[in-house]
Amino acid sequence: MNTELEQVLPAQIEKRSFEIITEELGKRKFIPGTETIIKRCIHTSADFDYAENLVFSDNVVEKALCAIQGGASIVTDTQMAKAGINKKKLAQFGGEVYCFMPDGDVAEAACEKKITRAAACMDKAAELHGNLIFAVGNAPTALARLYELIKEGKVAPKLIIGVPVGFVNVEPSKELILKLENIPFIVAKGRKGGSNIAACICNALLYML
């Protein structure tokens, strides 16, 4: 293993990282429009599995960019994802980022209904007006509840980013989203994902604009 540090100027580190990612991906071909998202997920995680496990619905990137340009807001299931999303860039198009996890009424609703707080967050988000993008990076219960709300006709997301991480109900919750026919989605199949991945997919879309 080469232990010598590569001499890279601070301003060039990200550029060099993407060059390495491109080199290691080789001649692999991706669905048009998705390559930037895949590479940013790899850059965030140093995990090349994202070249294989990200699933994109038809024309999802084009639809997502139109939604953002039309002022869509983003709902996340963690404060970490909210912190990582470029809110200044989103605000240029009139959108905001919401995370209801710390809200007292969400905690009360979760206790009363005997559901997770993440699921209760989705109920609160369904009451928002305007176009919404959901970026779920932690809680499969949020993704499952979102699926139920869609089926009940209570919310119609412009995009679902379904990338919860973990072992319990993670894969089944993602499979629910993959069954949706009229809702654009980006889903990380399997156990991998996380709030950082949810945020980086949002930012990859924002940086395309």
N, C-alpha and C. Protein backbone atom coordinates (compact mmCIF):
# COMPACT_ATOMS: atom_id res chain seq x y z
N MET A 1 0.84 -1.20 0.00
CA MET A 1 0.00 0.00 0.00
C MET A 1 0.88 1.24 0.00
N ASN A 2 0.53 2.21 -0.84
CA ASN A 2 1.29 3.45 -0.93
C ASN A 2 0.94 4.34 0.27
N THR A 3 1.96 4.67 1.08
CA THR A 3 1.72 5.46 2.28
C THR A 3 2.07 6.93 2.09
N GLU A 4 2.53 7.31 0.89
CA GLU A 4 2.88 8.69 0.63
C GLU A 4 1.62 9.51 0.36
N LEU A 5 1.56 10.70 0.99
CA LEU A 5 0.41 11.56 0.80
C LEU A 5 0.47 12.23 -0.56
N GLU A 6 -0.65 12.22 -1.24
CA GLU A 6 -0.75 12.92 -2.52
C GLU A 6 -0.86 14.41 -2.25
N GLN A 7 -0.06 15.18 -2.94
CA GLN A 7 -0.06 16.62 -2.74
C GLN A 7 -1.21 17.26 -3.53
N VAL A 8 -2.24 17.67 -2.81
CA VAL A 8 -3.42 18.26 -3.44
C VAL A 8 -3.77 19.54 -2.69
N LEU A 9 -3.98 20.62 -3.43
CA LEU A 9 -4.38 21.87 -2.81
C LEU A 9 -5.77 21.72 -2.19
N PRO A 10 -6.03 22.38 -1.05
CA PRO A 10 -7.32 22.23 -0.38
C PRO A 10 -8.51 22.46 -1.31
N ALA A 11 -8.41 23.45 -2.18
CA ALA A 11 -9.52 23.77 -3.07
C ALA A 11 -9.73 22.70 -4.14
N GLN A 12 -8.75 21.80 -4.30
CA GLN A 12 -8.82 20.79 -5.35
C GLN A 12 -9.16 19.39 -4.83
N ILE A 13 -9.36 19.27 -3.50
CA ILE A 13 -9.57 17.94 -2.92
C ILE A 13 -10.84 17.28 -3.46
N GLU A 14 -11.94 18.02 -3.48
CA GLU A 14 -13.18 17.43 -3.97
C GLU A 14 -13.06 17.06 -5.44
N LYS A 15 -12.47 17.95 -6.24
CA LYS A 15 -12.28 17.67 -7.66
C LYS A 15 -11.45 16.40 -7.86
N ARG A 16 -10.39 16.27 -7.08
CA ARG A 16 -9.53 15.09 -7.20
C ARG A 16 -10.27 13.83 -6.75
N SER A 17 -11.10 13.96 -5.72
CA SER A 17 -11.89 12.81 -5.26
C SER A 17 -12.79 12.29 -6.36
N PHE A 18 -13.46 13.20 -7.06
CA PHE A 18 -14.35 12.78 -8.14
C PHE A 18 -13.58 12.19 -9.32
N GLU A 19 -12.37 12.67 -9.54
CA GLU A 19 -11.53 12.09 -10.58
C GLU A 19 -11.19 10.63 -10.25
N ILE A 20 -10.88 10.38 -8.98
CA ILE A 20 -10.57 9.01 -8.54
C ILE A 20 -11.80 8.12 -8.68
N ILE A 21 -12.96 8.64 -8.27
CA ILE A 21 -14.21 7.87 -8.38
C ILE A 21 -14.46 7.52 -9.84
N THR A 22 -14.30 8.48 -10.73
CA THR A 22 -14.52 8.25 -12.16
C THR A 22 -13.56 7.19 -12.69
N GLU A 23 -12.29 7.28 -12.26
CA GLU A 23 -11.29 6.30 -12.70
C GLU A 23 -11.67 4.89 -12.23
N GLU A 24 -12.10 4.77 -10.98
CA GLU A 24 -12.40 3.44 -10.43
C GLU A 24 -13.70 2.86 -10.99
N LEU A 25 -14.60 3.71 -11.40
CA LEU A 25 -15.84 3.22 -12.02
C LEU A 25 -15.58 2.72 -13.44
N GLY A 26 -14.49 3.18 -14.03
CA GLY A 26 -14.11 2.71 -15.36
C GLY A 26 -15.12 3.10 -16.42
N LYS A 27 -15.45 2.16 -17.28
CA LYS A 27 -16.34 2.42 -18.42
C LYS A 27 -17.79 2.08 -18.12
N ARG A 28 -18.10 1.95 -16.84
CA ARG A 28 -19.47 1.62 -16.46
C ARG A 28 -20.45 2.69 -16.95
N LYS A 29 -21.58 2.26 -17.50
CA LYS A 29 -22.58 3.17 -18.03
C LYS A 29 -23.75 3.29 -17.06
N PHE A 30 -24.28 4.50 -16.94
CA PHE A 30 -25.40 4.76 -16.04
C PHE A 30 -26.57 5.36 -16.81
N ILE A 31 -27.76 5.27 -16.23
CA ILE A 31 -28.93 5.92 -16.82
C ILE A 31 -28.63 7.41 -16.93
N PRO A 32 -28.88 8.02 -18.09
CA PRO A 32 -28.61 9.45 -18.26
C PRO A 32 -29.22 10.29 -17.13
N GLY A 33 -28.40 11.17 -16.57
CA GLY A 33 -28.86 12.05 -15.50
C GLY A 33 -28.58 11.54 -14.10
N THR A 34 -28.28 10.24 -13.97
CA THR A 34 -28.10 9.67 -12.63
C THR A 34 -26.64 9.61 -12.18
N GLU A 35 -25.72 9.78 -13.10
CA GLU A 35 -24.31 9.58 -12.78
C GLU A 35 -23.82 10.51 -11.68
N THR A 36 -24.24 11.78 -11.74
CA THR A 36 -23.83 12.75 -10.73
C THR A 36 -24.29 12.33 -9.33
N ILE A 37 -25.51 11.84 -9.23
CA ILE A 37 -26.04 11.40 -7.94
C ILE A 37 -25.27 10.20 -7.42
N ILE A 38 -25.02 9.24 -8.28
CA ILE A 38 -24.28 8.04 -7.88
C ILE A 38 -22.88 8.40 -7.40
N LYS A 39 -22.22 9.24 -8.14
CA LYS A 39 -20.85 9.63 -7.77
C LYS A 39 -20.82 10.41 -6.46
N ARG A 40 -21.83 11.24 -6.23
CA ARG A 40 -21.84 12.01 -4.98
C ARG A 40 -22.12 11.09 -3.79
N CYS A 41 -22.94 10.06 -3.97
CA CYS A 41 -23.16 9.09 -2.90
C CYS A 41 -21.86 8.34 -2.59
N ILE A 42 -21.14 7.98 -3.62
CA ILE A 42 -19.84 7.30 -3.41
C ILE A 42 -18.87 8.24 -2.73
N HIS A 43 -18.86 9.50 -3.15
CA HIS A 43 -17.96 10.49 -2.54
C HIS A 43 -18.26 10.68 -1.06
N THR A 44 -19.55 10.68 -0.71
CA THR A 44 -19.96 10.88 0.68
C THR A 44 -19.60 9.69 1.57
N SER A 45 -19.68 8.48 1.00
CA SER A 45 -19.56 7.25 1.80
C SER A 45 -18.30 6.43 1.54
N ALA A 46 -17.59 6.73 0.44
CA ALA A 46 -16.47 5.90 -0.03
C ALA A 46 -16.91 4.46 -0.28
N ASP A 47 -18.18 4.30 -0.65
CA ASP A 47 -18.75 2.97 -0.86
C ASP A 47 -19.23 2.85 -2.31
N PHE A 48 -18.54 2.03 -3.08
CA PHE A 48 -18.86 1.88 -4.49
C PHE A 48 -20.10 1.02 -4.73
N ASP A 49 -20.67 0.44 -3.66
CA ASP A 49 -21.91 -0.33 -3.82
C ASP A 49 -23.04 0.55 -4.34
N TYR A 50 -22.95 1.87 -4.12
CA TYR A 50 -24.01 2.75 -4.58
C TYR A 50 -24.09 2.82 -6.10
N ALA A 51 -23.06 2.36 -6.77
CA ALA A 51 -23.12 2.26 -8.23
C ALA A 51 -24.06 1.16 -8.67
N GLU A 52 -24.38 0.25 -7.74
CA GLU A 52 -25.23 -0.90 -8.05
C GLU A 52 -26.60 -0.83 -7.37
N ASN A 53 -26.66 -0.27 -6.17
CA ASN A 53 -27.89 -0.43 -5.39
C ASN A 53 -28.86 0.75 -5.44
N LEU A 54 -28.52 1.81 -6.15
CA LEU A 54 -29.47 2.92 -6.29
C LEU A 54 -30.44 2.62 -7.42
N VAL A 55 -31.74 2.73 -7.12
CA VAL A 55 -32.78 2.47 -8.11
C VAL A 55 -33.50 3.79 -8.40
N PHE A 56 -33.63 4.09 -9.68
CA PHE A 56 -34.25 5.35 -10.12
C PHE A 56 -35.51 5.05 -10.92
N SER A 57 -36.61 5.69 -10.53
CA SER A 57 -37.82 5.55 -11.33
C SER A 57 -37.64 6.30 -12.66
N ASP A 58 -38.53 6.07 -13.59
CA ASP A 58 -38.40 6.66 -14.92
C ASP A 58 -38.38 8.19 -14.87
N ASN A 59 -37.35 8.77 -15.51
CA ASN A 59 -37.23 10.23 -15.64
C ASN A 59 -37.25 10.96 -14.30
N VAL A 60 -36.79 10.29 -13.25
CA VAL A 60 -36.90 10.87 -11.91
C VAL A 60 -36.06 12.13 -11.75
N VAL A 61 -34.88 12.16 -12.35
CA VAL A 61 -34.03 13.34 -12.17
C VAL A 61 -34.68 14.57 -12.80
N GLU A 62 -35.18 14.41 -14.00
CA GLU A 62 -35.86 15.53 -14.68
C GLU A 62 -37.05 16.00 -13.86
N LYS A 63 -37.84 15.07 -13.35
CA LYS A 63 -39.02 15.42 -12.55
C LYS A 63 -38.62 16.11 -11.25
N ALA A 64 -37.54 15.62 -10.62
CA ALA A 64 -37.09 16.21 -9.36
C ALA A 64 -36.59 17.63 -9.56
N LEU A 65 -35.85 17.86 -10.63
CA LEU A 65 -35.32 19.19 -10.91
C LEU A 65 -36.47 20.17 -11.19
N CYS A 66 -37.48 19.72 -11.91
CA CYS A 66 -38.65 20.56 -12.17
C CYS A 66 -39.36 20.90 -10.86
N ALA A 67 -39.46 19.93 -9.97
CA ALA A 67 -40.12 20.17 -8.69
C ALA A 67 -39.36 21.20 -7.86
N ILE A 68 -38.04 21.08 -7.82
CA ILE A 68 -37.23 22.03 -7.06
C ILE A 68 -37.35 23.43 -7.66
N GLN A 69 -37.26 23.51 -8.97
CA GLN A 69 -37.39 24.80 -9.63
C GLN A 69 -38.77 25.40 -9.42
N GLY A 70 -39.74 24.55 -9.18
CA GLY A 70 -41.10 25.03 -8.93
C GLY A 70 -41.37 25.38 -7.48
N GLY A 71 -40.33 25.32 -6.64
CA GLY A 71 -40.47 25.75 -5.25
C GLY A 71 -40.78 24.65 -4.25
N ALA A 72 -40.55 23.39 -4.62
CA ALA A 72 -40.82 22.29 -3.69
C ALA A 72 -39.95 22.39 -2.44
N SER A 73 -40.52 22.02 -1.31
CA SER A 73 -39.78 21.93 -0.05
C SER A 73 -39.40 20.49 0.22
N ILE A 74 -38.44 20.30 1.11
CA ILE A 74 -37.92 18.97 1.44
C ILE A 74 -38.25 18.64 2.88
N VAL A 75 -38.82 17.46 3.10
CA VAL A 75 -39.08 16.95 4.45
C VAL A 75 -38.12 15.81 4.73
N THR A 76 -37.40 15.88 5.83
CA THR A 76 -36.47 14.83 6.21
C THR A 76 -36.89 14.19 7.52
N ASP A 77 -36.33 13.02 7.81
CA ASP A 77 -36.67 12.33 9.06
C ASP A 77 -35.61 12.50 10.13
N THR A 78 -34.57 13.29 9.87
CA THR A 78 -33.55 13.53 10.91
C THR A 78 -33.02 14.96 10.83
N GLN A 79 -32.60 15.46 11.98
CA GLN A 79 -31.95 16.76 12.03
C GLN A 79 -30.61 16.73 11.29
N MET A 80 -29.97 15.57 11.29
CA MET A 80 -28.69 15.43 10.59
C MET A 80 -28.85 15.66 9.10
N ALA A 81 -29.87 15.05 8.51
CA ALA A 81 -30.12 15.24 7.08
C ALA A 81 -30.47 16.70 6.81
N LYS A 82 -31.30 17.28 7.67
CA LYS A 82 -31.68 18.68 7.49
C LYS A 82 -30.44 19.57 7.52
N ALA A 83 -29.53 19.29 8.45
CA ALA A 83 -28.32 20.10 8.56
C ALA A 83 -27.45 19.98 7.32
N GLY A 84 -27.48 18.81 6.68
CA GLY A 84 -26.59 18.57 5.55
C GLY A 84 -27.08 19.10 4.23
N ILE A 85 -28.37 19.40 4.12
CA ILE A 85 -28.93 19.88 2.86
C ILE A 85 -28.61 21.36 2.68
N ASN A 86 -28.25 21.73 1.46
CA ASN A 86 -27.91 23.12 1.16
C ASN A 86 -29.18 23.97 1.12
N LYS A 87 -29.52 24.50 2.28
CA LYS A 87 -30.78 25.25 2.41
C LYS A 87 -30.73 26.58 1.65
N LYS A 88 -29.56 27.18 1.57
CA LYS A 88 -29.43 28.44 0.84
C LYS A 88 -29.73 28.24 -0.64
N LYS A 89 -29.21 27.15 -1.20
CA LYS A 89 -29.45 26.85 -2.61
C LYS A 89 -30.94 26.56 -2.85
N LEU A 90 -31.54 25.76 -1.96
CA LEU A 90 -32.96 25.43 -2.10
C LEU A 90 -33.82 26.69 -2.01
N ALA A 91 -33.45 27.60 -1.12
CA ALA A 91 -34.23 28.83 -0.92
C ALA A 91 -34.23 29.71 -2.16
N GLN A 92 -33.23 29.57 -3.01
CA GLN A 92 -33.20 30.35 -4.26
C GLN A 92 -34.41 30.04 -5.13
N PHE A 93 -34.98 28.85 -4.95
CA PHE A 93 -36.14 28.44 -5.75
C PHE A 93 -37.44 28.50 -4.94
N GLY A 94 -37.34 28.98 -3.69
CA GLY A 94 -38.53 29.16 -2.87
C GLY A 94 -38.84 28.01 -1.93
N GLY A 95 -37.95 27.01 -1.85
CA GLY A 95 -38.19 25.86 -0.99
C GLY A 95 -37.57 25.98 0.39
N GLU A 96 -38.08 25.19 1.33
CA GLU A 96 -37.54 25.11 2.69
C GLU A 96 -37.26 23.65 3.03
N VAL A 97 -36.52 23.44 4.12
CA VAL A 97 -36.27 22.08 4.62
C VAL A 97 -36.94 21.93 5.97
N TYR A 98 -37.70 20.86 6.12
CA TYR A 98 -38.43 20.61 7.36
C TYR A 98 -37.98 19.29 7.99
N CYS A 99 -37.86 19.29 9.31
CA CYS A 99 -37.73 18.07 10.09
C CYS A 99 -38.52 18.27 11.37
N PHE A 100 -39.53 17.44 11.58
CA PHE A 100 -40.45 17.62 12.70
C PHE A 100 -40.11 16.76 13.91
N MET A 101 -38.98 16.06 13.85
CA MET A 101 -38.63 15.15 14.95
C MET A 101 -38.57 15.82 16.33
N PRO A 102 -38.07 17.06 16.45
CA PRO A 102 -38.00 17.66 17.80
C PRO A 102 -39.31 18.25 18.29
N ASP A 103 -40.36 18.26 17.47
CA ASP A 103 -41.58 18.98 17.82
C ASP A 103 -42.38 18.25 18.91
N GLY A 104 -42.85 19.04 19.86
CA GLY A 104 -43.60 18.47 20.98
C GLY A 104 -44.88 17.78 20.56
N ASP A 105 -45.60 18.36 19.58
CA ASP A 105 -46.85 17.75 19.16
C ASP A 105 -46.62 16.42 18.46
N VAL A 106 -45.45 16.27 17.82
CA VAL A 106 -45.10 15.00 17.19
C VAL A 106 -44.86 13.94 18.26
N ALA A 107 -44.15 14.30 19.31
CA ALA A 107 -43.90 13.36 20.41
C ALA A 107 -45.22 12.92 21.05
N GLU A 108 -46.14 13.87 21.25
CA GLU A 108 -47.43 13.54 21.85
C GLU A 108 -48.25 12.62 20.95
N ALA A 109 -48.24 12.91 19.65
CA ALA A 109 -49.00 12.08 18.70
C ALA A 109 -48.44 10.67 18.64
N ALA A 110 -47.11 10.56 18.67
CA ALA A 110 -46.47 9.25 18.63
C ALA A 110 -46.85 8.43 19.85
N CYS A 111 -46.86 9.07 21.00
CA CYS A 111 -47.22 8.38 22.25
C CYS A 111 -48.69 7.96 22.23
N GLU A 112 -49.54 8.86 21.79
CA GLU A 112 -50.98 8.59 21.78
C GLU A 112 -51.34 7.46 20.81
N LYS A 113 -50.71 7.46 19.64
CA LYS A 113 -51.04 6.48 18.60
C LYS A 113 -50.19 5.21 18.71
N LYS A 114 -49.19 5.25 19.62
CA LYS A 114 -48.27 4.13 19.80
C LYS A 114 -47.52 3.80 18.50
N ILE A 115 -47.01 4.86 17.88
CA ILE A 115 -46.19 4.73 16.68
C ILE A 115 -44.86 5.43 16.93
N THR A 116 -43.92 5.26 16.03
CA THR A 116 -42.64 5.94 16.20
C THR A 116 -42.81 7.44 15.93
N ARG A 117 -41.89 8.21 16.47
CA ARG A 117 -41.93 9.65 16.22
C ARG A 117 -41.71 9.95 14.74
N ALA A 118 -40.88 9.12 14.10
CA ALA A 118 -40.62 9.32 12.67
C ALA A 118 -41.90 9.15 11.85
N ALA A 119 -42.73 8.17 12.22
CA ALA A 119 -44.00 7.97 11.53
C ALA A 119 -44.94 9.15 11.76
N ALA A 120 -44.94 9.64 13.01
CA ALA A 120 -45.77 10.80 13.33
C ALA A 120 -45.33 12.04 12.57
N CYS A 121 -44.04 12.13 12.28
CA CYS A 121 -43.52 13.24 11.47
C CYS A 121 -44.13 13.24 10.08
N MET A 122 -44.32 12.06 9.53
CA MET A 122 -44.92 11.97 8.19
C MET A 122 -46.36 12.44 8.21
N ASP A 123 -47.09 12.12 9.29
CA ASP A 123 -48.46 12.60 9.43
C ASP A 123 -48.49 14.13 9.45
N LYS A 124 -47.58 14.73 10.17
CA LYS A 124 -47.54 16.19 10.25
C LYS A 124 -47.16 16.79 8.89
N ALA A 125 -46.21 16.14 8.22
CA ALA A 125 -45.77 16.64 6.91
C ALA A 125 -46.91 16.61 5.90
N ALA A 126 -47.80 15.62 6.02
CA ALA A 126 -48.92 15.50 5.09
C ALA A 126 -49.88 16.68 5.17
N GLU A 127 -49.77 17.46 6.25
CA GLU A 127 -50.63 18.63 6.43
C GLU A 127 -50.04 19.89 5.79
N LEU A 128 -48.80 19.80 5.31
CA LEU A 128 -48.16 20.95 4.68
C LEU A 128 -48.79 21.23 3.32
N HIS A 129 -48.76 22.48 2.93
CA HIS A 129 -49.25 22.89 1.62
C HIS A 129 -48.07 22.97 0.65
N GLY A 130 -48.35 22.85 -0.62
CA GLY A 130 -47.31 22.97 -1.63
C GLY A 130 -46.68 21.64 -1.98
N ASN A 131 -45.77 21.69 -2.94
CA ASN A 131 -45.10 20.49 -3.41
C ASN A 131 -44.02 20.05 -2.43
N LEU A 132 -43.92 18.73 -2.24
CA LEU A 132 -42.99 18.19 -1.23
C LEU A 132 -42.10 17.10 -1.80
N ILE A 133 -40.86 17.13 -1.35
CA ILE A 133 -39.90 16.06 -1.58
C ILE A 133 -39.60 15.44 -0.22
N PHE A 134 -39.65 14.12 -0.11
CA PHE A 134 -39.36 13.44 1.15
C PHE A 134 -38.00 12.76 1.04
N ALA A 135 -37.12 13.06 1.98
CA ALA A 135 -35.78 12.47 2.00
C ALA A 135 -35.63 11.70 3.32
N VAL A 136 -35.80 10.38 3.26
CA VAL A 136 -35.77 9.53 4.45
C VAL A 136 -34.47 8.75 4.48
N GLY A 137 -33.65 9.03 5.49
CA GLY A 137 -32.34 8.40 5.55
C GLY A 137 -32.10 7.56 6.79
N ASN A 138 -33.09 7.51 7.68
CA ASN A 138 -32.85 6.82 8.94
C ASN A 138 -33.95 5.84 9.34
N ALA A 139 -35.21 6.28 9.25
CA ALA A 139 -36.30 5.53 9.86
C ALA A 139 -37.16 4.81 8.83
N PRO A 140 -37.11 3.48 8.79
CA PRO A 140 -38.00 2.75 7.90
C PRO A 140 -39.47 2.96 8.22
N THR A 141 -39.78 3.25 9.48
CA THR A 141 -41.18 3.50 9.84
C THR A 141 -41.69 4.78 9.18
N ALA A 142 -40.81 5.75 8.95
CA ALA A 142 -41.20 6.96 8.23
C ALA A 142 -41.55 6.62 6.80
N LEU A 143 -40.76 5.77 6.19
CA LEU A 143 -40.99 5.38 4.80
C LEU A 143 -42.28 4.57 4.67
N ALA A 144 -42.51 3.66 5.61
CA ALA A 144 -43.72 2.84 5.59
C ALA A 144 -44.97 3.70 5.80
N ARG A 145 -44.89 4.65 6.73
CA ARG A 145 -46.04 5.53 6.96
C ARG A 145 -46.29 6.43 5.76
N LEU A 146 -45.22 6.88 5.11
CA LEU A 146 -45.37 7.70 3.92
C LEU A 146 -46.09 6.92 2.82
N TYR A 147 -45.74 5.66 2.68
CA TYR A 147 -46.42 4.79 1.71
C TYR A 147 -47.92 4.71 2.03
N GLU A 148 -48.26 4.55 3.30
CA GLU A 148 -49.67 4.47 3.70
C GLU A 148 -50.41 5.77 3.37
N LEU A 149 -49.76 6.90 3.66
CA LEU A 149 -50.39 8.20 3.41
C LEU A 149 -50.62 8.42 1.92
N ILE A 150 -49.71 7.94 1.10
CA ILE A 150 -49.88 8.04 -0.35
C ILE A 150 -51.08 7.20 -0.79
N LYS A 151 -51.15 5.98 -0.27
CA LYS A 151 -52.26 5.10 -0.63
C LYS A 151 -53.60 5.63 -0.14
N GLU A 152 -53.57 6.39 0.96
CA GLU A 152 -54.79 6.99 1.50
C GLU A 152 -55.16 8.29 0.80
N GLY A 153 -54.31 8.73 -0.13
CA GLY A 153 -54.58 9.96 -0.87
C GLY A 153 -54.33 11.23 -0.08
N LYS A 154 -53.56 11.14 0.99
CA LYS A 154 -53.32 12.30 1.85
C LYS A 154 -52.09 13.10 1.47
N VAL A 155 -51.22 12.52 0.65
CA VAL A 155 -50.02 13.23 0.21
C VAL A 155 -49.59 12.64 -1.13
N ALA A 156 -49.03 13.49 -1.98
CA ALA A 156 -48.55 13.05 -3.29
C ALA A 156 -47.18 13.67 -3.54
N PRO A 157 -46.13 13.06 -3.01
CA PRO A 157 -44.78 13.63 -3.12
C PRO A 157 -44.33 13.80 -4.56
N LYS A 158 -43.57 14.85 -4.79
CA LYS A 158 -42.94 15.05 -6.10
C LYS A 158 -41.70 14.17 -6.24
N LEU A 159 -41.18 13.70 -5.12
CA LEU A 159 -40.03 12.80 -5.12
C LEU A 159 -39.92 12.16 -3.74
N ILE A 160 -39.59 10.87 -3.72
CA ILE A 160 -39.21 10.20 -2.48
C ILE A 160 -37.77 9.72 -2.61
N ILE A 161 -36.94 10.15 -1.67
CA ILE A 161 -35.58 9.62 -1.55
C ILE A 161 -35.63 8.64 -0.39
N GLY A 162 -35.63 7.35 -0.71
CA GLY A 162 -35.80 6.31 0.30
C GLY A 162 -34.50 5.59 0.57
N VAL A 163 -33.76 6.07 1.56
CA VAL A 163 -32.44 5.48 1.84
C VAL A 163 -32.21 5.24 3.34
N PRO A 164 -33.23 4.74 4.07
CA PRO A 164 -32.97 4.43 5.48
C PRO A 164 -31.91 3.34 5.61
N VAL A 165 -31.17 3.39 6.70
CA VAL A 165 -30.07 2.45 6.92
C VAL A 165 -30.40 1.55 8.10
N GLY A 166 -29.93 0.29 8.06
CA GLY A 166 -30.12 -0.56 9.23
C GLY A 166 -30.56 -1.96 8.89
N PHE A 167 -31.19 -2.62 9.87
CA PHE A 167 -31.47 -4.04 9.77
C PHE A 167 -32.95 -4.40 9.97
N VAL A 168 -33.66 -3.61 10.79
CA VAL A 168 -35.04 -3.96 11.11
C VAL A 168 -36.00 -3.19 10.21
N ASN A 169 -36.72 -3.92 9.35
CA ASN A 169 -37.73 -3.36 8.45
C ASN A 169 -37.19 -2.39 7.40
N VAL A 170 -35.89 -2.31 7.27
CA VAL A 170 -35.30 -1.38 6.31
C VAL A 170 -35.60 -1.82 4.87
N GLU A 171 -35.27 -3.07 4.56
CA GLU A 171 -35.48 -3.53 3.19
C GLU A 171 -36.96 -3.61 2.81
N PRO A 172 -37.85 -4.13 3.69
CA PRO A 172 -39.27 -4.13 3.34
C PRO A 172 -39.85 -2.73 3.11
N SER A 173 -39.39 -1.75 3.88
CA SER A 173 -39.92 -0.39 3.71
C SER A 173 -39.51 0.18 2.36
N LYS A 174 -38.30 -0.15 1.92
CA LYS A 174 -37.84 0.32 0.60
C LYS A 174 -38.61 -0.38 -0.51
N GLU A 175 -38.92 -1.64 -0.32
CA GLU A 175 -39.67 -2.38 -1.33
C GLU A 175 -41.07 -1.78 -1.52
N LEU A 176 -41.66 -1.24 -0.45
CA LEU A 176 -42.95 -0.58 -0.58
C LEU A 176 -42.87 0.59 -1.56
N ILE A 177 -41.82 1.39 -1.43
CA ILE A 177 -41.67 2.55 -2.30
C ILE A 177 -41.43 2.12 -3.74
N LEU A 178 -40.70 1.04 -3.91
CA LEU A 178 -40.42 0.54 -5.26
C LEU A 178 -41.69 0.07 -5.97
N LYS A 179 -42.74 -0.20 -5.19
CA LYS A 179 -44.02 -0.63 -5.78
C LYS A 179 -44.85 0.54 -6.31
N LEU A 180 -44.51 1.76 -5.91
CA LEU A 180 -45.31 2.91 -6.31
C LEU A 180 -45.17 3.16 -7.81
N GLU A 181 -46.29 3.43 -8.46
CA GLU A 181 -46.28 3.58 -9.91
C GLU A 181 -46.27 5.03 -10.38
N ASN A 182 -46.82 5.92 -9.61
CA ASN A 182 -46.98 7.30 -10.08
C ASN A 182 -46.20 8.31 -9.25
N ILE A 183 -45.33 7.84 -8.36
CA ILE A 183 -44.53 8.72 -7.51
C ILE A 183 -43.05 8.54 -7.88
N PRO A 184 -42.36 9.60 -8.29
CA PRO A 184 -40.93 9.48 -8.58
C PRO A 184 -40.14 9.10 -7.33
N PHE A 185 -39.14 8.24 -7.50
CA PHE A 185 -38.35 7.82 -6.34
C PHE A 185 -36.90 7.55 -6.71
N ILE A 186 -36.06 7.70 -5.69
CA ILE A 186 -34.67 7.23 -5.72
C ILE A 186 -34.51 6.41 -4.45
N VAL A 187 -34.23 5.13 -4.60
CA VAL A 187 -34.17 4.21 -3.47
C VAL A 187 -32.84 3.46 -3.48
N ALA A 188 -32.24 3.32 -2.30
CA ALA A 188 -31.04 2.50 -2.14
C ALA A 188 -31.46 1.12 -1.66
N LYS A 189 -31.45 0.16 -2.55
CA LYS A 189 -31.86 -1.19 -2.18
C LYS A 189 -30.90 -1.78 -1.15
N GLY A 190 -31.44 -2.67 -0.32
CA GLY A 190 -30.61 -3.32 0.70
C GLY A 190 -30.57 -2.55 2.00
N ARG A 191 -29.55 -2.82 2.80
CA ARG A 191 -29.46 -2.25 4.14
C ARG A 191 -28.79 -0.89 4.20
N LYS A 192 -28.09 -0.54 3.14
CA LYS A 192 -27.26 0.67 3.20
C LYS A 192 -28.07 1.93 2.94
N GLY A 193 -27.55 3.04 3.46
CA GLY A 193 -28.17 4.35 3.32
C GLY A 193 -27.70 5.25 4.44
N GLY A 194 -28.57 6.10 4.91
CA GLY A 194 -28.22 6.97 6.02
C GLY A 194 -28.61 8.42 5.76
N SER A 195 -28.64 9.20 6.82
CA SER A 195 -28.98 10.62 6.70
C SER A 195 -28.01 11.36 5.80
N ASN A 196 -26.73 10.98 5.85
CA ASN A 196 -25.75 11.64 4.99
C ASN A 196 -26.03 11.35 3.52
N ILE A 197 -26.49 10.14 3.22
CA ILE A 197 -26.82 9.79 1.83
C ILE A 197 -28.08 10.53 1.39
N ALA A 198 -29.07 10.63 2.26
CA ALA A 198 -30.28 11.37 1.93
C ALA A 198 -29.95 12.82 1.60
N ALA A 199 -29.10 13.43 2.43
CA ALA A 199 -28.72 14.82 2.21
C ALA A 199 -27.90 14.98 0.93
N CYS A 200 -27.01 14.04 0.67
CA CYS A 200 -26.15 14.20 -0.49
C CYS A 200 -26.92 14.03 -1.79
N ILE A 201 -27.97 13.20 -1.80
CA ILE A 201 -28.80 13.08 -2.99
C ILE A 201 -29.56 14.39 -3.23
N CYS A 202 -30.08 14.98 -2.16
CA CYS A 202 -30.72 16.29 -2.29
C CYS A 202 -29.75 17.31 -2.87
N ASN A 203 -28.54 17.32 -2.33
CA ASN A 203 -27.56 18.31 -2.79
C ASN A 203 -27.11 18.03 -4.22
N ALA A 204 -26.99 16.77 -4.58
CA ALA A 204 -26.62 16.44 -5.97
C ALA A 204 -27.64 17.03 -6.93
N LEU A 205 -28.91 16.93 -6.58
CA LEU A 205 -29.96 17.52 -7.42
C LEU A 205 -29.86 19.04 -7.44
N LEU A 206 -29.65 19.63 -6.27
CA LEU A 206 -29.56 21.09 -6.19
C LEU A 206 -28.38 21.62 -6.99
N TYR A 207 -27.25 20.90 -6.95
CA TYR A 207 -26.06 21.37 -7.65
C TYR A 207 -26.16 21.22 -9.17
N MET A 208 -27.15 20.47 -9.63
CA MET A 208 -27.38 20.35 -11.07
C MET A 208 -28.04 21.60 -11.63
N LEU A 209 -28.65 22.40 -10.75
CA LEU A 209 -29.42 23.56 -11.21
C LEU A 209 -28.55 24.80 -11.28
